[in-house]
N, C-alpha and C. Protein backbone atom coordinates (compact mmCIF):
# COMPACT_ATOMS: atom_id res chain seq x y z
N MET A 1 101.45 155.65 86.76
CA MET A 1 100.05 155.85 87.03
C MET A 1 99.40 155.12 85.91
N ASP A 2 97.96 154.55 86.21
CA ASP A 2 97.28 153.79 85.05
C ASP A 2 96.51 154.90 84.19
N MET A 3 96.81 154.75 83.05
CA MET A 3 96.27 155.84 81.94
C MET A 3 95.01 155.26 81.64
N LYS A 4 94.50 154.24 81.70
CA LYS A 4 93.26 153.67 81.28
C LYS A 4 92.08 154.31 81.99
N LEU A 5 92.15 154.71 83.16
CA LEU A 5 90.94 155.14 84.02
C LEU A 5 90.65 156.43 83.41
N PRO A 6 91.62 157.51 83.31
CA PRO A 6 91.05 158.86 82.72
C PRO A 6 90.45 158.54 81.08
N ALA A 7 91.03 157.71 80.33
CA ALA A 7 90.59 157.40 79.16
C ALA A 7 89.26 157.03 79.04
N LEU A 8 88.95 156.05 79.76
CA LEU A 8 87.78 155.39 80.16
C LEU A 8 86.85 156.38 80.39
N GLY A 9 86.97 157.37 81.35
CA GLY A 9 85.98 158.43 81.58
C GLY A 9 85.81 159.18 80.44
N VAL A 10 86.77 159.69 79.73
CA VAL A 10 86.63 160.50 78.61
C VAL A 10 85.48 159.82 77.63
N LEU A 11 85.87 158.55 77.54
CA LEU A 11 84.91 157.79 76.55
C LEU A 11 83.60 157.54 77.09
N LEU A 12 83.24 157.55 78.31
CA LEU A 12 82.05 157.51 78.80
C LEU A 12 81.22 158.85 78.72
N CYS A 13 81.90 159.58 78.89
CA CYS A 13 81.27 161.08 78.73
C CYS A 13 81.03 161.33 77.21
N ALA A 14 81.77 160.82 76.44
CA ALA A 14 81.44 161.05 75.07
C ALA A 14 80.07 160.31 74.55
N PHE A 15 80.12 159.03 75.32
CA PHE A 15 78.69 158.18 74.78
C PHE A 15 77.63 158.70 75.43
N SER A 16 77.68 159.33 76.81
CA SER A 16 76.55 159.80 77.42
C SER A 16 75.94 161.13 76.79
N PHE A 17 76.93 161.99 76.04
CA PHE A 17 76.29 163.13 75.59
C PHE A 17 75.57 163.20 74.31
N GLN A 18 74.09 163.57 74.37
CA GLN A 18 73.19 163.58 73.42
C GLN A 18 72.87 165.08 72.77
N ALA A 19 72.92 165.38 71.85
CA ALA A 19 72.73 166.80 71.54
C ALA A 19 71.27 166.59 70.86
N SER A 20 70.41 167.61 71.13
CA SER A 20 69.00 167.60 70.62
C SER A 20 69.03 168.86 69.50
N ALA A 21 68.55 168.52 68.48
CA ALA A 21 68.66 169.53 67.56
C ALA A 21 67.27 170.40 67.19
N ALA A 22 67.39 171.86 66.96
CA ALA A 22 66.48 172.59 66.96
C ALA A 22 66.55 173.64 65.92
N MET A 23 65.22 174.00 65.53
CA MET A 23 65.29 175.11 64.63
C MET A 23 64.28 176.05 64.81
N ARG A 24 64.59 177.19 64.55
CA ARG A 24 63.91 178.84 64.74
C ARG A 24 62.74 178.70 63.71
N CYS A 25 61.72 179.07 63.99
CA CYS A 25 60.60 179.43 63.28
C CYS A 25 59.85 180.73 63.88
N ASN A 26 60.37 181.94 63.13
CA ASN A 26 59.66 183.12 63.67
C ASN A 26 60.45 183.38 65.06
N SER A 27 59.58 183.56 65.95
CA SER A 27 60.27 183.92 67.26
C SER A 27 60.05 182.42 68.39
N THR A 28 59.82 181.53 67.62
CA THR A 28 59.75 180.31 68.41
C THR A 28 60.70 179.17 68.04
N LEU A 29 60.94 178.31 68.80
CA LEU A 29 61.86 177.09 68.61
C LEU A 29 61.09 175.80 68.26
N VAL A 30 61.44 175.04 67.51
CA VAL A 30 60.77 173.76 67.57
C VAL A 30 62.03 172.98 67.65
N SER A 31 61.70 171.67 68.29
CA SER A 31 62.89 170.88 68.80
C SER A 31 62.21 169.22 68.57
N GLU A 32 63.50 168.57 68.72
CA GLU A 32 62.94 167.02 68.68
C GLU A 32 62.09 166.63 69.94
N GLY A 33 61.07 165.90 69.44
CA GLY A 33 59.97 165.42 70.49
C GLY A 33 58.54 166.23 70.09
N ASP A 34 58.75 167.24 69.42
CA ASP A 34 57.48 168.03 69.01
C ASP A 34 56.53 167.23 68.09
N SER A 35 55.49 167.57 68.30
CA SER A 35 54.52 166.91 67.44
C SER A 35 53.95 167.67 65.96
N THR A 36 53.58 166.90 65.16
CA THR A 36 53.61 167.59 63.83
C THR A 36 52.47 168.93 63.87
N PHE A 37 51.52 168.72 64.72
CA PHE A 37 50.67 169.83 65.22
C PHE A 37 51.38 171.17 65.58
N GLU A 38 52.54 170.83 66.60
CA GLU A 38 53.16 171.76 67.09
C GLU A 38 54.18 172.44 66.01
N VAL A 39 54.74 171.77 65.46
CA VAL A 39 55.78 172.45 64.37
C VAL A 39 54.68 173.24 63.30
N GLN A 40 53.85 172.63 62.81
CA GLN A 40 53.00 173.52 61.72
C GLN A 40 52.35 174.65 62.29
N ARG A 41 51.91 174.71 63.80
CA ARG A 41 51.54 175.75 64.32
C ARG A 41 52.55 176.87 64.53
N LYS A 42 53.83 176.43 64.93
CA LYS A 42 54.96 177.35 64.79
C LYS A 42 55.58 177.79 63.41
N CYS A 43 55.55 177.13 62.64
CA CYS A 43 56.22 177.29 61.34
C CYS A 43 55.52 177.42 60.10
N GLY A 44 54.17 176.98 60.32
CA GLY A 44 53.38 177.07 59.04
C GLY A 44 53.56 175.77 58.20
N ALA A 45 52.82 175.63 57.25
CA ALA A 45 53.10 174.48 56.44
C ALA A 45 54.31 174.49 55.69
N PRO A 46 54.81 173.06 55.58
CA PRO A 46 56.15 172.78 54.90
C PRO A 46 56.03 173.00 53.40
N ALA A 47 57.22 173.30 52.95
CA ALA A 47 57.28 173.64 51.47
C ALA A 47 56.93 172.38 50.77
N ASN A 48 57.37 171.17 51.16
CA ASN A 48 57.33 169.89 50.66
C ASN A 48 57.05 168.87 51.89
N ARG A 49 56.28 167.72 51.57
CA ARG A 49 55.85 166.73 52.51
C ARG A 49 55.58 165.60 51.98
N GLU A 50 56.46 164.53 52.56
CA GLU A 50 56.44 163.42 52.04
C GLU A 50 55.70 162.20 53.33
N VAL A 51 54.86 161.57 53.05
CA VAL A 51 54.29 160.65 54.20
C VAL A 51 54.43 159.20 53.83
N ILE A 52 54.95 158.35 54.34
CA ILE A 52 55.31 157.08 54.15
C ILE A 52 54.57 156.31 55.37
N PRO A 53 53.43 155.63 54.84
CA PRO A 53 52.44 155.11 55.86
C PRO A 53 53.12 153.81 56.39
N ALA A 54 52.54 153.48 57.54
CA ALA A 54 53.23 152.27 58.34
C ALA A 54 52.88 151.11 57.39
N ALA A 55 53.38 149.91 57.52
CA ALA A 55 52.87 148.89 56.68
C ALA A 55 51.73 148.25 57.31
N PRO A 56 50.93 147.58 56.56
CA PRO A 56 49.63 147.05 57.19
C PRO A 56 50.02 145.76 57.91
N VAL A 57 48.90 145.54 58.68
CA VAL A 57 49.07 144.16 59.57
C VAL A 57 48.79 143.06 58.82
N THR A 58 49.62 142.09 58.71
CA THR A 58 49.35 141.09 57.77
C THR A 58 49.10 139.70 58.88
N GLY A 59 48.05 138.98 58.68
CA GLY A 59 47.69 137.77 59.42
C GLY A 59 47.60 138.22 61.07
N ASN A 60 48.20 137.56 61.96
CA ASN A 60 48.33 137.79 63.31
C ASN A 60 49.60 138.33 63.81
N LYS A 61 50.33 138.75 63.05
CA LYS A 61 51.77 139.31 63.44
C LYS A 61 51.54 140.79 63.84
N PRO A 62 51.94 141.21 65.02
CA PRO A 62 51.93 142.49 65.48
C PRO A 62 52.74 143.68 64.36
N ASN A 63 51.90 144.66 64.17
CA ASN A 63 52.57 145.57 63.28
C ASN A 63 53.49 146.37 64.26
N GLN A 64 54.77 146.45 63.76
CA GLN A 64 55.99 146.98 64.43
C GLN A 64 56.45 148.27 63.76
N SER A 65 55.60 148.59 62.47
CA SER A 65 56.22 149.70 61.79
C SER A 65 55.39 151.19 62.17
N VAL A 66 56.18 152.19 61.81
CA VAL A 66 55.59 153.40 62.22
C VAL A 66 55.28 154.30 60.79
N THR A 67 54.60 155.41 61.01
CA THR A 67 54.46 156.18 59.76
C THR A 67 55.46 157.25 59.82
N VAL A 68 56.06 157.25 58.86
CA VAL A 68 57.30 158.43 58.42
C VAL A 68 56.62 159.57 57.80
N GLU A 69 57.22 160.76 58.25
CA GLU A 69 56.95 161.79 57.43
C GLU A 69 57.87 162.77 57.19
N ASN A 70 58.33 163.11 56.05
CA ASN A 70 59.52 164.18 55.99
C ASN A 70 59.09 165.41 55.36
N TRP A 71 59.39 166.37 56.15
CA TRP A 71 59.08 167.89 55.59
C TRP A 71 60.15 168.58 55.47
N GLU A 72 59.88 169.51 54.41
CA GLU A 72 61.11 170.38 54.14
C GLU A 72 60.52 171.92 54.10
N TYR A 73 61.57 172.58 54.93
CA TYR A 73 61.42 174.25 54.97
C TYR A 73 62.48 174.86 54.27
N GLY A 74 62.10 175.89 53.56
CA GLY A 74 63.05 176.82 53.02
C GLY A 74 63.00 177.12 51.54
N PRO A 75 64.03 177.80 50.93
CA PRO A 75 65.08 178.29 51.87
C PRO A 75 64.99 179.45 52.54
N TRP A 76 65.41 179.46 53.81
CA TRP A 76 65.48 180.66 54.74
C TRP A 76 66.88 181.13 55.09
N SER A 77 67.14 182.01 54.48
CA SER A 77 68.41 182.75 54.41
C SER A 77 69.56 181.63 53.79
N GLY A 78 69.06 181.17 52.98
CA GLY A 78 70.02 180.21 51.92
C GLY A 78 69.89 178.60 52.86
N ALA A 79 69.27 178.55 53.59
CA ALA A 79 69.20 177.14 54.21
C ALA A 79 68.00 176.35 54.12
N TYR A 80 68.18 175.03 53.75
CA TYR A 80 67.00 174.06 53.77
C TYR A 80 66.76 173.38 54.92
N TYR A 81 65.62 173.06 55.56
CA TYR A 81 65.61 172.14 56.87
C TYR A 81 64.80 171.15 56.37
N LEU A 82 65.33 169.83 56.81
CA LEU A 82 64.60 168.56 56.55
C LEU A 82 64.11 168.02 57.92
N LEU A 83 62.98 167.85 58.21
CA LEU A 83 62.48 167.38 59.39
C LEU A 83 61.95 166.00 59.11
N LYS A 84 62.15 165.10 60.12
CA LYS A 84 61.77 163.64 60.05
C LYS A 84 60.92 163.28 61.35
N PHE A 85 59.49 162.80 61.03
CA PHE A 85 58.64 162.58 62.09
C PHE A 85 58.28 161.01 62.11
N PHE A 86 58.32 160.39 63.36
CA PHE A 86 57.91 159.02 63.48
C PHE A 86 56.65 159.01 64.12
N ASP A 87 55.40 158.65 63.64
CA ASP A 87 54.51 158.45 64.20
C ASP A 87 53.77 159.86 64.87
N GLY A 88 54.19 160.98 64.12
CA GLY A 88 53.67 162.26 64.49
C GLY A 88 54.72 162.95 65.48
N LYS A 89 55.92 162.38 65.79
CA LYS A 89 56.83 163.18 66.62
C LYS A 89 58.05 163.38 65.80
N LEU A 90 58.47 164.78 66.19
CA LEU A 90 59.91 165.00 65.55
C LEU A 90 61.01 164.22 65.99
N VAL A 91 61.82 163.43 65.19
CA VAL A 91 62.87 162.77 65.39
C VAL A 91 64.11 163.18 65.12
N SER A 92 64.27 164.08 63.90
CA SER A 92 65.47 164.89 63.61
C SER A 92 65.15 165.88 62.93
N ILE A 93 66.08 166.85 62.82
CA ILE A 93 66.42 168.05 62.15
C ILE A 93 67.70 168.25 61.35
N ASP A 94 67.69 168.17 59.94
CA ASP A 94 68.91 168.36 59.45
C ASP A 94 68.71 169.75 58.65
N MET A 95 69.98 170.32 58.35
CA MET A 95 70.09 171.73 57.92
C MET A 95 71.20 171.56 56.68
N SER A 96 70.67 172.15 55.36
CA SER A 96 72.05 172.10 54.41
C SER A 96 71.80 173.32 53.84
N ARG A 97 72.92 173.72 53.16
CA ARG A 97 72.99 174.99 52.38
C ARG A 97 73.31 174.83 51.00
């Protein structure tokens, strides 16, 4: 029996799985894809906020950069949450204790 086929199937399943992070705020959840407006409405203002503006357009080159925002919440039950936004959309949620 050729063992390459089952191994290939397992490998393909591993790469096709994508986990989406979420964070609980009060009785609601925020998750990747939410806007900065939605997150602030559900969780309130962050404890810390860093905004890195998109690079300005120079000459006639198209601007391919995005505005990056890093928001920090916590400590909530000893945990800190770092949320990263690209152009106003939540792209990652990291938790640390």
